[in-house]
PDB file of all heavy atoms in Angstrom:
ATOM      1  N   GLY A   1      95.515  85.999 110.618  1.00  0.00           N
ATOM      2  CA  GLY A   1      94.949  85.276 111.749  1.00  0.00           C
ATOM      3  C   GLY A   1      95.452  85.874 113.046  1.00  0.00           C
ATOM      4  O   GLY A   1      96.629  86.195 113.181  1.00  0.00           O
ATOM      5  N   SER A   2      94.535  86.063 114.005  1.00  0.00           N
ATOM      6  CA  SER A   2      94.906  86.598 115.314  1.00  0.00           C
ATOM      7  C   SER A   2      94.281  85.716 116.385  1.00  0.00           C
ATOM      8  O   SER A   2      93.402  84.901 116.102  1.00  0.00           O
ATOM      9  CB  SER A   2      94.402  88.042 115.463  1.00  0.00           C
ATOM     10  OG  SER A   2      92.995  88.069 115.675  1.00  0.00           O
ATOM     11  N   PRO A   3      94.727  85.865 117.646  1.00  0.00           N
ATOM     12  CA  PRO A   3      94.131  85.052 118.716  1.00  0.00           C
ATOM     13  C   PRO A   3      92.626  85.238 118.836  1.00  0.00           C
ATOM     14  O   PRO A   3      91.921  84.359 119.313  1.00  0.00           O
ATOM     15  CB  PRO A   3      94.860  85.560 119.975  1.00  0.00           C
ATOM     16  CG  PRO A   3      96.176  86.072 119.461  1.00  0.00           C
ATOM     17  CD  PRO A   3      95.866  86.658 118.122  1.00  0.00           C
ATOM     18  N   ARG A   4      92.113  86.389 118.376  1.00  0.00           N
ATOM     19  CA  ARG A   4      90.683  86.665 118.487  1.00  0.00           C
ATOM     20  C   ARG A   4      89.905  86.263 117.241  1.00  0.00           C
ATOM     21  O   ARG A   4      88.684  86.307 117.223  1.00  0.00           O
ATOM     22  CB  ARG A   4      90.475  88.165 118.750  1.00  0.00           C
ATOM     23  CG  ARG A   4      91.068  88.661 120.051  1.00  0.00           C
ATOM     24  CD  ARG A   4      90.884  90.156 120.213  1.00  0.00           C
ATOM     25  NE  ARG A   4      89.493  90.540 120.135  1.00  0.00           N
ATOM     26  CZ  ARG A   4      88.973  91.285 119.171  1.00  0.00           C
ATOM     27  NH1 ARG A   4      89.733  91.714 118.179  1.00  0.00           N
ATOM     28  NH2 ARG A   4      87.710  91.610 119.181  1.00  0.00           N
ATOM     29  N   GLY A   5      90.600  85.883 116.181  1.00  0.00           N
ATOM     30  CA  GLY A   5      89.906  85.527 114.946  1.00  0.00           C
ATOM     31  C   GLY A   5      90.554  86.185 113.738  1.00  0.00           C
ATOM     32  O   GLY A   5      91.621  86.794 113.832  1.00  0.00           O
ATOM     33  N   LEU A   6      89.892  86.075 112.608  1.00  0.00           N
ATOM     34  CA  LEU A   6      90.424  86.617 111.361  1.00  0.00           C
ATOM     35  C   LEU A   6      90.211  88.122 111.290  1.00  0.00           C
ATOM     36  O   LEU A   6      89.103  88.617 111.517  1.00  0.00           O
ATOM     37  CB  LEU A   6      89.724  85.948 110.174  1.00  0.00           C
ATOM     38  CG  LEU A   6      90.176  86.400 108.778  1.00  0.00           C
ATOM     39  CD1 LEU A   6      91.572  85.879 108.491  1.00  0.00           C
ATOM     40  CD2 LEU A   6      89.199  85.896 107.719  1.00  0.00           C
ATOM     41  N   VAL A   7      91.274  88.844 110.980  1.00  0.00           N
ATOM     42  CA  VAL A   7      91.182  90.287 110.766  1.00  0.00           C
ATOM     43  C   VAL A   7      91.829  90.611 109.417  1.00  0.00           C
ATOM     44  O   VAL A   7      92.679  89.869 108.932  1.00  0.00           O
ATOM     45  CB  VAL A   7      91.870  91.087 111.898  1.00  0.00           C
ATOM     46  CG1 VAL A   7      91.102  90.956 113.194  1.00  0.00           C
ATOM     47  CG2 VAL A   7      93.307  90.621 112.098  1.00  0.00           C
ATOM     48  N   VAL A   8      91.391  91.725 108.817  1.00  0.00           N
ATOM     49  CA  VAL A   8      91.888  92.084 107.487  1.00  0.00           C
ATOM     50  C   VAL A   8      92.358  93.534 107.493  1.00  0.00           C
ATOM     51  O   VAL A   8      91.611  94.442 107.106  1.00  0.00           O
ATOM     52  CB  VAL A   8      90.801  91.871 106.407  1.00  0.00           C
ATOM     53  CG1 VAL A   8      91.393  92.071 105.008  1.00  0.00           C
ATOM     54  CG2 VAL A   8      90.174  90.491 106.528  1.00  0.00           C
ATOM     55  N   PRO A   9      93.586  93.811 107.945  1.00  0.00           N
ATOM     56  CA  PRO A   9      94.125  95.166 107.886  1.00  0.00           C
ATOM     57  C   PRO A   9      94.384  95.584 106.436  1.00  0.00           C
ATOM     58  O   PRO A   9      94.593  94.743 105.567  1.00  0.00           O
ATOM     59  CB  PRO A   9      95.422  95.075 108.688  1.00  0.00           C
ATOM     60  CG  PRO A   9      95.803  93.629 108.634  1.00  0.00           C
ATOM     61  CD  PRO A   9      94.517  92.860 108.578  1.00  0.00           C
ATOM     62  N   ILE A  10      94.360  96.880 106.205  1.00  0.00           N
ATOM     63  CA  ILE A  10      94.394  97.418 104.847  1.00  0.00           C
ATOM     64  C   ILE A  10      95.725  98.097 104.529  1.00  0.00           C
ATOM     65  O   ILE A  10      96.199  98.945 105.292  1.00  0.00           O
ATOM     66  CB  ILE A  10      93.255  98.441 104.639  1.00  0.00           C
ATOM     67  CG1 ILE A  10      91.911  97.867 105.107  1.00  0.00           C
ATOM     68  CG2 ILE A  10      93.189  98.867 103.177  1.00  0.00           C
ATOM     69  CD1 ILE A  10      91.484  96.615 104.384  1.00  0.00           C
ATOM     70  N   ILE A  11      96.317  97.730 103.398  1.00  0.00           N
ATOM     71  CA  ILE A  11      97.495  98.433 102.868  1.00  0.00           C
ATOM     72  C   ILE A  11      96.979  99.509 101.917  1.00  0.00           C
ATOM     73  O   ILE A  11      96.488  99.216 100.821  1.00  0.00           O
ATOM     74  CB  ILE A  11      98.435  97.478 102.125  1.00  0.00           C
ATOM     75  CG1 ILE A  11      98.942  96.386 103.076  1.00  0.00           C
ATOM     76  CG2 ILE A  11      99.625  98.242 101.535  1.00  0.00           C
ATOM     77  CD1 ILE A  11      99.853  95.379 102.406  1.00  0.00           C
ATOM     78  N   ARG A  12      97.044 100.761 102.326  1.00  0.00           N
ATOM     79  CA  ARG A  12      96.516 101.874 101.530  1.00  0.00           C
ATOM     80  C   ARG A  12      97.447 102.189 100.359  1.00  0.00           C
ATOM     81  O   ARG A  12      98.665 102.140 100.477  1.00  0.00           O
ATOM     82  CB  ARG A  12      96.376 103.135 102.396  1.00  0.00           C
ATOM     83  CG  ARG A  12      95.671 102.913 103.732  1.00  0.00           C
ATOM     84  CD  ARG A  12      94.194 102.811 103.582  1.00  0.00           C
ATOM     85  NE  ARG A  12      93.547 102.586 104.885  1.00  0.00           N
ATOM     86  CZ  ARG A  12      92.269 102.299 105.045  1.00  0.00           C
ATOM     87  NH1 ARG A  12      91.482 102.202 103.982  1.00  0.00           N
ATOM     88  NH2 ARG A  12      91.764 102.084 106.247  1.00  0.00           N
ATOM     89  N   ASN A  13      96.831 102.523  99.218  1.00  0.00           N
ATOM     90  CA  ASN A  13      97.583 102.915  98.022  1.00  0.00           C
ATOM     91  C   ASN A  13      98.709 101.923  97.729  1.00  0.00           C
ATOM     92  O   ASN A  13      99.866 102.305  97.506  1.00  0.00           O
ATOM     93  CB  ASN A  13      98.155 104.329  98.187  1.00  0.00           C
ATOM     94  CG  ASN A  13      97.074 105.370  98.419  1.00  0.00           C
ATOM     95  OD1 ASN A  13      96.056 105.393  97.722  1.00  0.00           O
ATOM     96  ND2 ASN A  13      97.269 106.224  99.398  1.00  0.00           N
ATOM     97  N   ALA A  14      98.358 100.649  97.731  1.00  0.00           N
ATOM     98  CA  ALA A  14      99.359  99.594  97.554  1.00  0.00           C
ATOM     99  C   ALA A  14     100.106  99.713  96.233  1.00  0.00           C
ATOM    100  O   ALA A  14     101.278  99.343  96.137  1.00  0.00           O
ATOM    101  CB  ALA A  14      98.684  98.226  97.652  1.00  0.00           C
ATOM    102  N   ASP A  15      99.431 100.233  95.210  1.00  0.00           N
ATOM    103  CA  ASP A  15     100.072 100.356  93.895  1.00  0.00           C
ATOM    104  C   ASP A  15     101.192 101.387  93.892  1.00  0.00           C
ATOM    105  O   ASP A  15     102.057 101.366  93.014  1.00  0.00           O
ATOM    106  CB  ASP A  15      99.022 100.729  92.836  1.00  0.00           C
ATOM    107  CG  ASP A  15      98.250 101.990  93.200  1.00  0.00           C
ATOM    108  OD1 ASP A  15      97.857 102.124  94.378  1.00  0.00           O
ATOM    109  OD2 ASP A  15      98.032 102.837  92.314  1.00  0.00           O
ATOM    110  N   GLN A  16     101.198 102.279  94.878  1.00  0.00           N
ATOM    111  CA  GLN A  16     102.214 103.319  94.934  1.00  0.00           C
ATOM    112  C   GLN A  16     103.373 102.959  95.862  1.00  0.00           C
ATOM    113  O   GLN A  16     104.324 103.732  95.995  1.00  0.00           O
ATOM    114  CB  GLN A  16     101.574 104.633  95.406  1.00  0.00           C
ATOM    115  CG  GLN A  16     100.455 105.131  94.496  1.00  0.00           C
ATOM    116  CD  GLN A  16      99.782 106.383  95.032  1.00  0.00           C
ATOM    117  OE1 GLN A  16     100.374 107.125  95.814  1.00  0.00           O
ATOM    118  NE2 GLN A  16      98.538 106.619  94.622  1.00  0.00           N
ATOM    119  N   LEU A  17     103.294 101.811  96.500  1.00  0.00           N
ATOM    120  CA  LEU A  17     104.330 101.396  97.443  1.00  0.00           C
ATOM    121  C   LEU A  17     105.323 100.448  96.782  1.00  0.00           C
ATOM    122  O   LEU A  17     104.986  99.713  95.858  1.00  0.00           O
ATOM    123  CB  LEU A  17     103.701 100.703  98.646  1.00  0.00           C
ATOM    124  CG  LEU A  17     102.677 101.503  99.471  1.00  0.00           C
ATOM    125  CD1 LEU A  17     102.153 100.657 100.616  1.00  0.00           C
ATOM    126  CD2 LEU A  17     103.289 102.795  99.998  1.00  0.00           C
ATOM    127  N   SER A  18     106.548 100.466  97.296  1.00  0.00           N
ATOM    128  CA  SER A  18     107.557  99.509  96.836  1.00  0.00           C
ATOM    129  C   SER A  18     107.345  98.175  97.536  1.00  0.00           C
ATOM    130  O   SER A  18     106.595  98.084  98.516  1.00  0.00           O
ATOM    131  CB  SER A  18     108.964 100.037  97.141  1.00  0.00           C
ATOM    132  OG  SER A  18     109.171 100.086  98.546  1.00  0.00           O
ATOM    133  N   ILE A  19     108.005  97.141  97.054  1.00  0.00           N
ATOM    134  CA  ILE A  19     107.905  95.831  97.701  1.00  0.00           C
ATOM    135  C   ILE A  19     108.414  95.908  99.139  1.00  0.00           C
ATOM    136  O   ILE A  19     107.837  95.294 100.045  1.00  0.00           O
ATOM    137  CB  ILE A  19     108.692  94.777  96.891  1.00  0.00           C
ATOM    138  CG1 ILE A  19     107.961  94.486  95.572  1.00  0.00           C
ATOM    139  CG2 ILE A  19     108.860  93.493  97.705  1.00  0.00           C
ATOM    140  CD1 ILE A  19     108.653  93.477  94.689  1.00  0.00           C
ATOM    141  N   ALA A  20     109.463  96.685  99.374  1.00  0.00           N
ATOM    142  CA  ALA A  20     109.996  96.841 100.732  1.00  0.00           C
ATOM    143  C   ALA A  20     108.967  97.494 101.649  1.00  0.00           C
ATOM    144  O   ALA A  20     108.780  97.071 102.798  1.00  0.00           O
ATOM    145  CB  ALA A  20     111.284  97.667 100.707  1.00  0.00           C
ATOM    146  N   GLU A  21     108.295  98.524 101.168  1.00  0.00           N
ATOM    147  CA  GLU A  21     107.286  99.211 101.977  1.00  0.00           C
ATOM    148  C   GLU A  21     106.104  98.290 102.272  1.00  0.00           C
ATOM    149  O   GLU A  21     105.535  98.314 103.374  1.00  0.00           O
ATOM    150  CB  GLU A  21     106.816 100.475 101.256  1.00  0.00           C
ATOM    151  CG  GLU A  21     107.871 101.564 101.183  1.00  0.00           C
ATOM    152  CD  GLU A  21     107.470 102.721 100.290  1.00  0.00           C
ATOM    153  OE1 GLU A  21     106.831 102.475  99.236  1.00  0.00           O
ATOM    154  OE2 GLU A  21     107.787 103.876 100.632  1.00  0.00           O
ATOM    155  N   ILE A  22     105.739  97.467 101.302  1.00  0.00           N
ATOM    156  CA  ILE A  22     104.642  96.514 101.507  1.00  0.00           C
ATOM    157  C   ILE A  22     105.029  95.469 102.545  1.00  0.00           C
ATOM    158  O   ILE A  22     104.243  95.139 103.445  1.00  0.00           O
ATOM    159  CB  ILE A  22     104.262  95.841 100.171  1.00  0.00           C
ATOM    160  CG1 ILE A  22     103.632  96.871  99.232  1.00  0.00           C
ATOM    161  CG2 ILE A  22     103.304  94.669 100.405  1.00  0.00           C
ATOM    162  CD1 ILE A  22     103.412  96.362  97.827  1.00  0.00           C
ATOM    163  N   GLU A  23     106.246  94.940 102.446  1.00  0.00           N
ATOM    164  CA  GLU A  23     106.701  93.939 103.407  1.00  0.00           C
ATOM    165  C   GLU A  23     106.746  94.516 104.825  1.00  0.00           C
ATOM    166  O   GLU A  23     106.414  93.829 105.801  1.00  0.00           O
ATOM    167  CB  GLU A  23     108.083  93.409 103.013  1.00  0.00           C
ATOM    168  CG  GLU A  23     108.102  92.562 101.752  1.00  0.00           C
ATOM    169  CD  GLU A  23     107.442  91.203 101.931  1.00  0.00           C
ATOM    170  OE1 GLU A  23     107.040  90.877 103.064  1.00  0.00           O
ATOM    171  OE2 GLU A  23     107.329  90.468 100.939  1.00  0.00           O
ATOM    172  N   LYS A  24     107.144  95.765 104.955  1.00  0.00           N
ATOM    173  CA  LYS A  24     107.172  96.403 106.270  1.00  0.00           C
ATOM    174  C   LYS A  24     105.770  96.537 106.842  1.00  0.00           C
ATOM    175  O   LYS A  24     105.535  96.301 108.036  1.00  0.00           O
ATOM    176  CB  LYS A  24     107.834  97.787 106.176  1.00  0.00           C
ATOM    177  CG  LYS A  24     109.341  97.743 105.961  1.00  0.00           C
ATOM    178  CD  LYS A  24     109.914  99.153 105.853  1.00  0.00           C
ATOM    179  CE  LYS A  24     111.423  99.105 105.612  1.00  0.00           C
ATOM    180  NZ  LYS A  24     112.006 100.472 105.459  1.00  0.00           N
ATOM    181  N   LYS A  25     104.808  96.912 105.993  1.00  0.00           N
ATOM    182  CA  LYS A  25     103.426  97.045 106.429  1.00  0.00           C
ATOM    183  C   LYS A  25     102.857  95.700 106.889  1.00  0.00           C
ATOM    184  O   LYS A  25     102.172  95.610 107.918  1.00  0.00           O
ATOM    185  CB  LYS A  25     102.570  97.606 105.286  1.00  0.00           C
ATOM    186  CG  LYS A  25     102.486  99.117 105.244  1.00  0.00           C
ATOM    187  CD  LYS A  25     101.737  99.643 106.449  1.00  0.00           C
ATOM    188  CE  LYS A  25     101.612 101.150 106.418  1.00  0.00           C
ATOM    189  NZ  LYS A  25     100.961 101.671 107.664  1.00  0.00           N
ATOM    190  N   ILE A  26     103.140  94.658 106.126  1.00  0.00           N
ATOM    191  CA  ILE A  26     102.636  93.328 106.475  1.00  0.00           C
ATOM    192  C   ILE A  26     103.223  92.857 107.801  1.00  0.00           C
ATOM    193  O   ILE A  26     102.515  92.298 108.647  1.00  0.00           O
ATOM    194  CB  ILE A  26     102.950  92.326 105.341  1.00  0.00           C
ATOM    195  CG1 ILE A  26     102.159  92.698 104.080  1.00  0.00           C
ATOM    196  CG2 ILE A  26     102.626  90.906 105.778  1.00  0.00           C
ATOM    197  CD1 ILE A  26     102.520  91.876 102.864  1.00  0.00           C
ATOM    198  N   ALA A  27     104.514  93.080 107.994  1.00  0.00           N
ATOM    199  CA  ALA A  27     105.166  92.702 109.259  1.00  0.00           C
ATOM    200  C   ALA A  27     104.565  93.485 110.426  1.00  0.00           C
ATOM    201  O   ALA A  27     104.325  92.932 111.509  1.00  0.00           O
ATOM    202  CB  ALA A  27     106.666  92.947 109.168  1.00  0.00           C
TER     203      ALA A  27
END
């Protein structure tokens, strides 16, 4: 959710990332 509405950013190659890398991307 953003001030302008719903947006859906993409985590590329999520299966190849660690949980730490995913959490960093989400943040």
